[in-house]
Amino acid sequence: MTDGELTTGDDRLVDDPIEVRRAKLDSLRARGEQPYKDRFDRTHTAADIVARWDSLEPGEDASEIVSVAGRVVAKRDQGKIMFIVLRDGVTDIQLFCRVNILGEDAYADAVEFDLGDWIGATGTVSRTRRGELSVVPTAITLLSKSLRPLPEKFHGLTDVETRYRQRYVDLIVNPDVRRTFDARFKIVSAIRRFMEGRGFIEVETPMLHPIPGGATARPFVTHHNALDMDLYLRIAPELYLKRLLVGGFDRVFEINRSFRNEGISVRHNPEFTMLEAYEAFTNIDGMMDLTEGMVVAAASEVLGTLKIEYQGAEIDLTPPWPRRTMLELTSEAAGEEISFALSDAQLRHLCDHHGVPHDPSWGKGKLITELYEKLVEGNLIQPTFVTEYPLETSPLARKKPSDPEFTERFELIVCGRELANAFSELVDPVDQRERFAEQIRAKGAGDDEAMGYDEDYLRAMEYGMPPAGGMGIGIDRLVMLLTDSASIRDVLLFPHLRPES
């Protein structure tokens, strides 16, 4: 910008404190004016104006009358002319206010606007001689008075804790944050269209469960007074979605909110969003194709490319993605063969050697999984399907026919993080009953994350479940990947935080 016009980063902006703003509010009311209007008939957004009249030459006016509205994010009064920048969404438009066009009374009212006020303006579109596309108002009105100054005279809200806690302010002053969430919503829409295009039906299942199931995690517990019973916020929708397979739905999915009473980190929030999908008559291979296609569709639509950067790492999402077994990868990383042929003592020695904590109740499958997570997972940068997870850590997956110590399960790992989990579904009710019993034994041995024993789900299975594949993908983590966000809090509008002191 040149002199006379301004940007939102201009360090000469003056912002009134809260006491002055309250005095202005009182003055408006004393004059019988309404500082909080009930509506404004907007004809164009700022983006509409930029798209339609961007070709105007400096000094050229458009004849059409427009009405715009937005938040004041910058303002400078030069006596007979005043420049105001409005923001609606992430697009700014300048108001070029002239006292001879607005009139002295309306101009005087506009001088009293503060940063953060919502205002509406009606006038013509013009490009100033200095080249700034503007609206030249013939009328201007206060729509909603802001009583709190924007932070740091609009240089930006930088304190991370405050940004997450006061997301409403973060969205006002940091346009990149708004763009991240616009991308999130587009990703979810792209996934929904992809799934519907593959013949899947979107369904809704309960969020309050009488028995925690569908994943190994510690649940939140609540109490239903009328029924006098404890209920659990769902940790996963899996068992309800698979009941629908029994009922005859061939392809179902749910974009769901799930809850796990566990730690908070850059990858974990107590409530999170994931997609779970189940398809009859397919298996783990079908789920790999589905997962790959979904991620590619979302990246292509939102970013327009499959070659992305995440936190400095170059990621190529171009399919097909490698498919490697857990044992292969762990053996390579350990420098020796890892298998179920090793004794418990040998596996525990390996855990000690590589600094992997372990519990006396763990079997070989759990020990191998922990070794893999310590030695391998964090080093898988490019998208990789890790397959053949041990039975001990996969209570809902079908056993591998050639080796029943393992299951037909995969996790998709990108940038060292699990992005998706899937398997050929266990549809044998006898086998499932035995595995539920094993989970109960694990819970009795102190495993707070073990599943409950769901007799109704077993009853559903006994009516006959078709062969099927199932998949879950973390929406929050996918958005992190596609928006280059370091923390899950950056892609949640309102992440959980400790109470304010």
Protein backbone atom coordinates (compact mmCIF):
# COMPACT_ATOMS: atom_id res chain seq x y z
CA MET A 1 0.00 0.00 0.00
CA THR A 2 1.01 3.62 -0.52
CA ASP A 3 0.33 6.57 1.77
CA GLY A 4 -3.33 7.21 2.47
CA GLU A 5 -4.38 3.58 2.14
CA LEU A 6 -3.56 0.89 4.63
CA THR A 7 -3.11 -2.74 5.52
CA THR A 8 -4.14 -4.67 8.60
CA GLY A 9 -0.50 -4.80 9.70
CA ASP A 10 -0.09 -1.01 9.75
CA ASP A 11 1.65 -0.03 13.00
CA ARG A 12 0.04 3.41 13.07
CA LEU A 13 -3.45 2.09 13.81
CA VAL A 14 -5.03 3.35 17.03
CA ASP A 15 -7.34 1.07 18.99
CA ASP A 16 -9.55 2.30 21.81
CA PRO A 17 -9.47 0.41 25.15
CA ILE A 18 -12.52 -1.32 26.59
CA GLU A 19 -13.49 1.65 28.79
CA VAL A 20 -13.70 3.99 25.79
CA ARG A 21 -15.68 1.42 23.81
CA ARG A 22 -18.22 1.06 26.61
CA ALA A 23 -18.58 4.83 26.74
CA LYS A 24 -19.29 4.86 23.00
CA LEU A 25 -21.91 2.13 23.51
CA ASP A 26 -23.59 4.14 26.25
CA SER A 27 -23.55 7.24 24.04
CA LEU A 28 -25.20 5.37 21.17
CA ARG A 29 -27.96 4.10 23.42
CA ALA A 30 -28.45 7.53 24.98
CA ARG A 31 -29.06 8.91 21.49
CA GLY A 32 -31.67 6.19 20.90
CA GLU A 33 -29.54 4.29 18.40
CA GLN A 34 -29.43 0.48 18.31
CA PRO A 35 -25.79 -0.69 18.49
CA TYR A 36 -26.75 -4.32 17.76
CA LYS A 37 -28.84 -4.51 14.58
CA ASP A 38 -31.03 -7.50 13.76
CA ARG A 39 -30.10 -7.75 10.05
CA PHE A 40 -28.32 -6.25 7.07
CA ASP A 41 -29.11 -7.00 3.43
CA ARG A 42 -25.68 -7.85 2.01
CA THR A 43 -25.52 -8.22 -1.77
CA HIS A 44 -21.86 -9.20 -2.20
CA THR A 45 -19.04 -10.70 -0.17
CA ALA A 46 -15.55 -9.27 -0.35
CA ALA A 47 -14.52 -12.30 -2.42
CA ASP A 48 -17.42 -11.64 -4.83
CA ILE A 49 -16.21 -8.09 -5.37
CA VAL A 50 -12.61 -9.12 -5.95
CA ALA A 51 -13.68 -11.82 -8.41
CA ARG A 52 -16.06 -9.61 -10.36
CA TRP A 53 -14.27 -6.26 -10.45
CA ASP A 54 -10.60 -7.16 -10.19
CA SER A 55 -10.11 -5.98 -13.78
CA LEU A 56 -10.98 -2.36 -12.95
CA GLU A 57 -8.18 0.04 -13.86
CA PRO A 58 -6.85 2.62 -11.37
CA GLY A 59 -9.31 5.49 -11.15
CA GLU A 60 -12.12 3.46 -12.78
CA ASP A 61 -15.56 3.11 -11.17
CA ALA A 62 -18.27 0.47 -11.59
CA SER A 63 -21.85 1.64 -11.87
CA GLU A 64 -23.51 -1.16 -9.86
CA ILE A 65 -24.53 -0.48 -6.25
CA VAL A 66 -23.32 -3.10 -3.76
CA SER A 67 -23.84 -3.74 -0.05
CA VAL A 68 -21.01 -5.33 1.92
CA ALA A 69 -20.60 -6.23 5.58
CA GLY A 70 -17.75 -7.36 7.74
CA ARG A 71 -15.53 -6.72 10.72
CA VAL A 72 -13.36 -3.59 10.88
CA VAL A 73 -9.76 -4.78 10.90
CA ALA A 74 -8.03 -1.52 9.98
CA LYS A 75 -8.99 2.15 9.88
CA ARG A 76 -7.44 5.56 9.28
CA ASP A 77 -9.14 8.94 9.29
CA GLN A 78 -7.47 11.73 7.29
CA GLY A 79 -10.03 14.44 7.97
CA LYS A 80 -12.16 14.54 4.84
CA ILE A 81 -11.46 10.96 3.73
CA MET A 82 -11.17 7.74 5.71
CA PHE A 83 -10.01 4.25 4.82
CA ILE A 84 -11.60 1.25 6.53
CA VAL A 85 -10.69 -2.38 5.83
CA LEU A 86 -13.51 -4.91 6.30
CA ARG A 87 -12.92 -8.64 6.63
CA ASP A 88 -15.61 -11.22 5.94
CA GLY A 89 -14.20 -14.71 6.25
CA VAL A 90 -10.61 -14.51 5.03
CA THR A 91 -11.06 -11.82 2.37
CA ASP A 92 -10.59 -8.09 2.96
CA ILE A 93 -12.19 -5.19 1.13
CA GLN A 94 -11.36 -1.51 1.59
CA LEU A 95 -14.02 1.16 2.16
CA PHE A 96 -12.96 4.52 0.72
CA CYS A 97 -15.12 6.91 2.77
CA ARG A 98 -15.54 10.54 1.66
CA VAL A 99 -17.26 13.14 3.79
CA ASN A 100 -18.79 14.82 0.72
CA ILE A 101 -20.44 11.52 -0.32
CA LEU A 102 -21.43 10.13 3.09
CA GLY A 103 -22.44 13.44 4.61
CA GLU A 104 -20.96 14.99 7.74
CA ASP A 105 -23.17 13.19 10.28
CA ALA A 106 -22.64 9.70 8.82
CA TYR A 107 -18.93 10.42 8.42
CA ALA A 108 -18.68 11.51 12.06
CA ASP A 109 -20.40 8.28 13.13
CA ALA A 110 -17.93 6.25 11.06
CA VAL A 111 -14.98 8.00 12.70
CA GLU A 112 -16.12 6.44 16.00
CA PHE A 113 -15.91 2.85 14.68
CA ASP A 114 -13.41 0.67 16.52
CA LEU A 115 -11.34 -2.27 15.32
CA GLY A 116 -13.52 -5.33 15.74
CA ASP A 117 -16.83 -3.56 15.07
CA TRP A 118 -19.14 -5.19 12.55
CA ILE A 119 -20.39 -2.69 10.01
CA GLY A 120 -22.35 -2.64 6.77
CA ALA A 121 -21.80 -0.30 3.84
CA THR A 122 -23.63 0.45 0.59
CA GLY A 123 -21.98 2.16 -2.37
CA THR A 124 -20.17 1.72 -5.69
CA VAL A 125 -17.07 -0.32 -6.48
CA SER A 126 -14.00 1.65 -7.52
CA ARG A 127 -10.29 1.16 -7.92
CA THR A 128 -8.46 4.07 -6.36
CA ARG A 129 -5.81 5.97 -8.27
CA ARG A 130 -3.27 4.19 -6.09
CA GLY A 131 -4.67 0.84 -7.29
CA GLU A 132 -6.68 -0.48 -4.32
CA LEU A 133 -10.04 -2.10 -5.13
CA SER A 134 -12.56 -0.40 -2.86
CA VAL A 135 -16.19 0.27 -2.12
CA VAL A 136 -17.06 3.98 -1.97
CA PRO A 137 -19.95 4.11 0.54
CA THR A 138 -23.00 6.30 0.19
CA ALA A 139 -24.30 4.85 3.47
CA ILE A 140 -22.58 3.10 6.34
CA THR A 141 -23.96 1.64 9.56
CA LEU A 142 -22.80 -0.04 12.75
CA LEU A 143 -24.15 -3.60 12.97
CA SER A 144 -22.54 -4.84 16.19
CA LYS A 145 -20.33 -2.95 18.63
CA SER A 146 -17.14 -4.67 19.76
CA LEU A 147 -16.27 -4.03 23.40
CA ARG A 148 -12.88 -5.75 23.55
CA PRO A 149 -9.82 -4.53 21.63
CA LEU A 150 -8.28 -7.02 19.23
CA PRO A 151 -4.91 -8.35 20.47
CA GLU A 152 -1.65 -6.56 19.83
CA LYS A 153 -3.22 -3.89 17.64
CA PHE A 154 -3.92 -6.62 15.11
CA HIS A 155 -0.34 -7.73 14.60
CA GLY A 156 -1.58 -11.22 15.43
CA LEU A 157 -2.38 -13.49 18.32
CA THR A 158 0.80 -15.50 18.91
CA ASP A 159 0.45 -17.06 22.37
CA VAL A 160 -0.35 -20.70 21.59
CA GLU A 161 -2.38 -21.38 24.73
CA THR A 162 -4.50 -18.27 24.18
CA ARG A 163 -4.97 -19.13 20.51
CA TYR A 164 -6.44 -22.53 21.36
CA ARG A 165 -8.48 -21.29 24.31
CA GLN A 166 -9.91 -18.26 22.50
CA ARG A 167 -10.31 -19.76 19.05
CA TYR A 168 -12.84 -17.07 18.17
CA VAL A 169 -10.10 -14.45 18.47
CA ASP A 170 -7.58 -16.68 16.71
CA LEU A 171 -9.93 -16.92 13.73
CA ILE A 172 -10.32 -13.13 13.65
CA VAL A 173 -6.67 -12.19 13.68
CA ASN A 174 -4.93 -15.14 11.99
CA PRO A 175 -6.32 -15.71 8.48
CA ASP A 176 -4.16 -18.83 8.03
CA VAL A 177 -6.12 -20.49 10.84
CA ARG A 178 -9.38 -19.90 8.98
CA ARG A 179 -7.82 -21.41 5.86
CA THR A 180 -6.80 -24.52 7.81
CA PHE A 181 -10.38 -25.08 8.91
CA ASP A 182 -11.75 -24.34 5.47
CA ALA A 183 -9.42 -27.10 4.25
CA ARG A 184 -10.63 -29.43 7.00
CA PHE A 185 -14.26 -29.03 6.00
CA LYS A 186 -13.39 -29.55 2.33
CA ILE A 187 -11.47 -32.73 3.21
CA VAL A 188 -14.46 -34.12 5.07
CA SER A 189 -16.76 -33.22 2.17
CA ALA A 190 -14.40 -34.85 -0.33
CA ILE A 191 -14.29 -38.03 1.77
CA ARG A 192 -18.08 -38.12 2.03
CA ARG A 193 -18.45 -37.76 -1.75
CA PHE A 194 -15.82 -40.44 -2.34
CA MET A 195 -17.58 -42.90 -0.06
CA GLU A 196 -21.00 -42.22 -1.51
CA GLY A 197 -19.52 -42.59 -4.99
CA ARG A 198 -18.36 -46.07 -3.98
CA GLY A 199 -21.89 -47.06 -2.96
CA PHE A 200 -21.51 -46.60 0.79
CA ILE A 201 -24.43 -45.38 2.91
CA GLU A 202 -23.73 -42.89 5.72
CA VAL A 203 -25.36 -43.98 8.98
CA GLU A 204 -25.52 -42.87 12.61
CA THR A 205 -24.89 -45.11 15.61
CA PRO A 206 -25.14 -44.46 19.38
CA MET A 207 -22.62 -42.35 21.23
CA LEU A 208 -23.65 -43.74 24.62
CA HIS A 209 -22.77 -47.42 24.94
CA PRO A 210 -23.77 -49.85 27.70
CA ILE A 211 -20.50 -51.74 27.09
CA PRO A 212 -17.28 -50.12 25.86
CA GLY A 213 -16.15 -51.87 22.69
CA GLY A 214 -14.78 -51.59 19.19
CA ALA A 215 -11.28 -50.60 20.31
CA THR A 216 -8.83 -51.08 23.15
CA ALA A 217 -9.01 -47.80 25.07
CA ARG A 218 -10.02 -46.39 28.45
CA PRO A 219 -13.58 -45.00 28.22
CA PHE A 220 -15.35 -42.06 29.82
CA VAL A 221 -18.08 -43.20 32.20
CA THR A 222 -21.37 -41.43 32.87
CA HIS A 223 -24.59 -42.38 34.65
CA HIS A 224 -28.13 -42.45 33.31
CA ASN A 225 -30.44 -41.54 36.17
CA ALA A 226 -33.74 -42.82 34.75
CA LEU A 227 -32.29 -46.24 33.95
CA ASP A 228 -29.97 -46.17 36.98
CA MET A 229 -27.10 -47.56 34.94
CA ASP A 230 -23.61 -46.56 33.89
CA LEU A 231 -23.02 -45.75 30.25
CA TYR A 232 -19.81 -45.13 28.31
CA LEU A 233 -19.02 -42.50 25.73
CA ARG A 234 -18.15 -44.49 22.65
CA ILE A 235 -14.54 -45.29 21.99
CA ALA A 236 -15.44 -46.53 18.49
CA PRO A 237 -18.64 -47.23 16.50
CA GLU A 238 -17.34 -50.56 15.17
CA LEU A 239 -19.61 -53.08 16.84
CA TYR A 240 -22.77 -51.15 15.95
CA LEU A 241 -21.72 -50.70 12.33
CA LYS A 242 -21.03 -54.43 12.03
CA ARG A 243 -24.48 -55.16 13.44
CA LEU A 244 -25.74 -53.37 10.32
CA LEU A 245 -23.83 -55.84 8.14
CA VAL A 246 -25.76 -58.59 9.91
CA GLY A 247 -28.95 -56.68 9.16
CA GLY A 248 -28.22 -56.63 5.44
CA PHE A 249 -26.49 -53.30 4.73
CA ASP A 250 -23.61 -54.11 2.36
CA ARG A 251 -21.60 -50.89 2.64
CA VAL A 252 -21.87 -48.46 5.56
CA PHE A 253 -19.75 -45.65 6.95
CA GLU A 254 -19.94 -43.13 9.75
CA ILE A 255 -17.95 -39.93 10.27
CA ASN A 256 -18.12 -40.05 14.02
CA ARG A 257 -17.04 -38.38 17.22
CA SER A 258 -15.36 -40.80 19.59
CA PHE A 259 -14.00 -40.34 23.10
CA ARG A 260 -11.06 -41.90 24.94
CA ASN A 261 -10.12 -41.10 28.51
CA GLU A 262 -6.41 -41.03 27.88
CA GLY A 263 -3.54 -38.59 27.63
CA ILE A 264 -3.42 -35.38 25.63
CA SER A 265 -0.58 -34.82 23.17
CA VAL A 266 0.15 -33.32 19.77
CA ARG A 267 -1.59 -36.41 18.32
CA HIS A 268 -4.28 -37.11 20.92
CA ASN A 269 -7.37 -35.27 22.12
CA PRO A 270 -10.00 -36.79 24.45
CA GLU A 271 -12.62 -36.39 21.72
CA PHE A 272 -11.75 -36.82 18.09
CA THR A 273 -13.23 -37.49 14.67
CA MET A 274 -12.72 -40.60 12.63
CA LEU A 275 -14.36 -42.38 9.76
CA GLU A 276 -15.22 -46.05 10.06
CA ALA A 277 -16.43 -48.05 7.06
CA TYR A 278 -17.50 -51.67 6.61
CA GLU A 279 -18.04 -53.49 3.35
CA ALA A 280 -19.48 -56.96 2.89
CA PHE A 281 -17.82 -59.54 0.65
CA THR A 282 -14.35 -57.97 0.71
CA ASN A 283 -11.26 -58.30 2.90
CA ILE A 284 -8.07 -56.51 3.92
CA ASP A 285 -7.03 -56.02 0.29
CA GLY A 286 -10.29 -54.23 -0.47
CA MET A 287 -9.75 -52.03 2.58
CA MET A 288 -6.25 -51.09 1.39
CA ASP A 289 -7.68 -50.05 -1.97
CA LEU A 290 -10.47 -48.09 -0.23
CA THR A 291 -8.08 -46.30 2.14
CA GLU A 292 -5.62 -45.45 -0.60
CA GLY A 293 -8.37 -44.15 -2.85
CA MET A 294 -9.92 -42.03 -0.10
CA VAL A 295 -6.69 -40.27 0.89
CA VAL A 296 -5.75 -39.69 -2.75
CA ALA A 297 -9.21 -38.27 -3.49
CA ALA A 298 -9.06 -35.87 -0.53
CA ALA A 299 -5.53 -34.66 -1.33
CA SER A 300 -6.28 -34.26 -5.03
CA GLU A 301 -9.46 -32.26 -4.47
CA VAL A 302 -8.25 -30.00 -1.67
CA LEU A 303 -4.57 -29.55 -2.59
CA GLY A 304 -4.52 -30.41 -6.27
CA THR A 305 -1.39 -32.52 -5.83
CA LEU A 306 -0.21 -35.81 -4.32
CA LYS A 307 3.25 -34.50 -3.52
CA ILE A 308 3.04 -32.63 -0.25
CA GLU A 309 5.29 -31.41 2.53
CA TYR A 310 4.69 -32.23 6.17
CA GLN A 311 6.86 -30.51 8.78
CA GLY A 312 9.80 -30.38 6.39
CA ALA A 313 9.42 -33.94 5.04
CA GLU A 314 8.55 -34.48 1.38
CA ILE A 315 5.66 -36.95 1.13
CA ASP A 316 4.54 -38.64 -2.08
CA LEU A 317 0.98 -39.96 -1.85
CA THR A 318 1.05 -41.39 -5.36
CA PRO A 319 -0.29 -44.98 -5.28
CA PRO A 320 0.39 -47.82 -4.96
CA TRP A 321 1.81 -47.63 -1.44
CA PRO A 322 4.24 -50.26 -0.11
CA ARG A 323 2.82 -53.21 1.85
CA ARG A 324 5.17 -54.68 4.48
CA THR A 325 4.61 -57.10 7.33
CA MET A 326 5.28 -56.13 10.94
CA LEU A 327 7.79 -58.98 11.35
CA GLU A 328 9.75 -58.00 8.23
CA LEU A 329 10.07 -54.39 9.33
CA THR A 330 10.88 -55.20 12.95
CA SER A 331 13.49 -57.79 12.01
CA GLU A 332 15.19 -55.30 9.68
CA ALA A 333 15.26 -52.63 12.37
CA ALA A 334 16.49 -54.97 15.10
CA GLY A 335 19.19 -56.48 12.91
CA GLU A 336 18.00 -60.02 13.67
CA GLU A 337 14.98 -62.16 12.96
CA ILE A 338 11.98 -61.48 15.16
CA SER A 339 9.33 -64.19 15.21
CA PHE A 340 7.05 -66.28 17.41
CA ALA A 341 9.77 -68.96 17.34
CA LEU A 342 11.62 -66.87 19.95
CA SER A 343 10.81 -67.64 23.57
CA ASP A 344 9.14 -65.19 25.92
CA ALA A 345 12.48 -64.72 27.65
CA GLN A 346 14.25 -63.95 24.38
CA LEU A 347 11.62 -61.38 23.39
CA ARG A 348 11.80 -59.73 26.82
CA HIS A 349 15.58 -59.61 26.54
CA LEU A 350 15.21 -57.89 23.15
CA CYS A 351 12.82 -55.40 24.71
CA ASP A 352 15.33 -54.66 27.47
CA HIS A 353 18.14 -54.34 24.93
CA HIS A 354 16.20 -51.79 22.89
CA GLY A 355 14.77 -49.89 25.84
CA VAL A 356 11.18 -51.08 25.41
CA PRO A 357 9.25 -51.24 28.71
CA HIS A 358 7.17 -54.40 29.11
CA ASP A 359 4.65 -55.92 31.49
CA PRO A 360 4.81 -59.47 32.94
CA SER A 361 1.26 -60.16 31.67
CA TRP A 362 2.17 -59.54 28.03
CA GLY A 363 2.40 -62.42 25.61
CA LYS A 364 4.65 -62.73 22.57
CA GLY A 365 2.27 -60.81 20.32
CA LYS A 366 2.21 -57.77 22.57
CA LEU A 367 6.00 -57.85 23.02
CA ILE A 368 6.55 -57.99 19.25
CA THR A 369 4.10 -55.13 18.73
CA GLU A 370 5.90 -52.98 21.29
CA LEU A 371 9.25 -53.69 19.62
CA TYR A 372 7.79 -52.68 16.27
CA GLU A 373 6.36 -49.45 17.68
CA LYS A 374 9.70 -48.51 19.26
CA LEU A 375 12.03 -49.53 16.42
CA VAL A 376 10.00 -49.04 13.26
CA GLU A 377 6.83 -46.98 13.36
CA GLY A 378 8.37 -43.55 13.91
CA ASN A 379 10.77 -44.06 11.00
CA LEU A 380 8.14 -44.82 8.35
CA ILE A 381 7.84 -41.48 6.56
CA GLN A 382 6.29 -42.37 3.19
CA PRO A 383 2.79 -43.94 3.27
CA THR A 384 3.17 -47.62 4.13
CA PHE A 385 0.67 -50.38 4.85
CA VAL A 386 2.04 -52.41 7.77
CA THR A 387 0.31 -55.80 7.77
CA GLU A 388 -0.05 -58.99 9.83
CA TYR A 389 -0.51 -57.76 13.38
CA PRO A 390 -0.38 -60.32 16.21
CA LEU A 391 -3.65 -61.87 17.33
CA GLU A 392 -3.04 -60.73 20.90
CA THR A 393 -3.32 -57.06 19.91
CA SER A 394 -6.12 -57.51 17.34
CA PRO A 395 -9.21 -58.91 19.11
CA LEU A 396 -11.65 -58.12 16.29
CA ALA A 397 -9.59 -59.13 13.23
CA ARG A 398 -9.70 -62.39 11.28
CA LYS A 399 -6.83 -64.81 11.89
CA LYS A 400 -4.32 -65.30 9.11
CA PRO A 401 -5.21 -68.78 7.76
CA SER A 402 -1.58 -69.85 7.29
CA ASP A 403 -0.43 -68.59 10.70
CA PRO A 404 -3.10 -68.15 13.40
CA GLU A 405 -0.69 -66.18 15.62
CA PHE A 406 -1.32 -63.25 13.25
CA THR A 407 -4.35 -61.47 11.83
CA GLU A 408 -5.33 -60.02 8.48
CA ARG A 409 -4.89 -56.48 9.70
CA PHE A 410 -3.03 -53.40 8.55
CA GLU A 411 -2.21 -49.95 9.82
CA LEU A 412 -1.41 -47.12 7.42
CA ILE A 413 1.64 -45.23 8.66
CA VAL A 414 2.61 -41.81 7.30
CA CYS A 415 5.31 -39.59 8.84
CA GLY A 416 5.73 -42.06 11.68
CA ARG A 417 2.07 -41.90 12.71
CA GLU A 418 -0.84 -44.28 12.41
CA LEU A 419 -3.36 -42.77 10.00
CA ALA A 420 -5.69 -45.72 9.45
CA ASN A 421 -6.39 -49.16 10.89
CA ALA A 422 -8.24 -51.93 9.07
CA PHE A 423 -8.70 -55.66 8.79
CA SER A 424 -10.56 -58.58 7.36
CA GLU A 425 -13.39 -58.79 9.85
CA LEU A 426 -13.81 -61.65 12.25
CA VAL A 427 -17.24 -63.10 11.45
CA ASP A 428 -16.97 -66.40 13.41
CA PRO A 429 -19.06 -65.97 16.61
CA VAL A 430 -17.33 -68.88 18.37
CA ASP A 431 -13.89 -67.37 17.77
CA GLN A 432 -15.17 -63.93 18.77
CA ARG A 433 -16.60 -65.28 22.04
CA GLU A 434 -13.21 -66.73 22.93
CA ARG A 435 -11.48 -63.44 22.19
CA PHE A 436 -13.94 -61.46 24.29
CA ALA A 437 -13.24 -63.89 27.13
CA GLU A 438 -9.52 -63.24 26.70
CA GLN A 439 -10.17 -59.51 26.88
CA ILE A 440 -12.06 -60.00 30.13
CA ARG A 441 -9.10 -61.93 31.52
CA ALA A 442 -6.80 -59.09 30.47
CA LYS A 443 -9.07 -56.56 32.16
CA GLY A 444 -9.02 -58.66 35.32
CA ALA A 445 -5.23 -58.64 35.16
CA GLY A 446 -5.24 -54.84 35.23
CA ASP A 447 -5.57 -53.82 31.57
CA ASP A 448 -7.89 -50.78 31.75
CA GLU A 449 -8.05 -50.59 27.96
CA ALA A 450 -9.32 -54.12 27.34
CA MET A 451 -12.76 -54.47 25.74
CA GLY A 452 -15.93 -55.46 27.53
CA TYR A 453 -17.87 -58.64 26.85
CA ASP A 454 -20.69 -57.69 24.47
CA GLU A 455 -23.21 -60.54 24.52
CA ASP A 456 -25.65 -58.73 22.21
CA TYR A 457 -22.96 -58.33 19.57
CA LEU A 458 -22.23 -62.04 19.82
CA ARG A 459 -25.94 -62.75 19.41
CA ALA A 460 -25.95 -60.62 16.25
CA MET A 461 -22.97 -62.54 14.90
CA GLU A 462 -24.76 -65.82 15.58
CA TYR A 463 -27.47 -64.76 13.13
CA GLY A 464 -24.73 -64.73 10.49
CA MET A 465 -22.37 -61.97 9.40
CA PRO A 466 -21.15 -61.93 5.79
CA PRO A 467 -17.43 -61.91 5.03
CA ALA A 468 -16.36 -58.29 5.28
CA GLY A 469 -13.58 -55.76 5.57
CA GLY A 470 -13.56 -52.81 7.92
CA MET A 471 -11.48 -49.66 8.13
CA GLY A 472 -11.08 -46.67 10.44
CA ILE A 473 -9.16 -43.51 9.55
CA GLY A 474 -8.39 -40.59 11.83
CA ILE A 475 -9.89 -37.49 10.25
CA ASP A 476 -7.97 -35.15 12.56
CA ARG A 477 -4.64 -36.76 11.67
CA LEU A 478 -5.45 -36.73 7.97
CA VAL A 479 -6.23 -33.02 8.18
CA MET A 480 -2.96 -32.48 10.06
CA LEU A 481 -1.10 -34.21 7.23
CA LEU A 482 -2.82 -32.33 4.40
CA THR A 483 -2.57 -28.90 6.08
CA ASP A 484 0.99 -29.34 7.40
CA SER A 485 -0.21 -28.85 10.99
CA ALA A 486 2.18 -29.93 13.75
CA SER A 487 -0.43 -30.49 16.48
CA ILE A 488 -3.91 -31.96 16.57
CA ARG A 489 -4.93 -28.78 18.40
CA ASP A 490 -4.24 -26.84 15.20
CA VAL A 491 -7.01 -28.73 13.37
CA LEU A 492 -9.62 -28.82 16.18
CA LEU A 493 -11.73 -25.70 16.52
CA PHE A 494 -12.02 -26.13 20.28
CA PRO A 495 -9.35 -28.52 21.65
CA HIS A 496 -9.47 -29.62 25.27
CA LEU A 497 -7.26 -27.64 27.65
CA ARG A 498 -6.66 -27.39 31.36
CA PRO A 499 -9.04 -24.96 33.10
CA GLU A 500 -7.96 -21.35 33.15
CA SER A 501 -6.27 -20.35 36.40
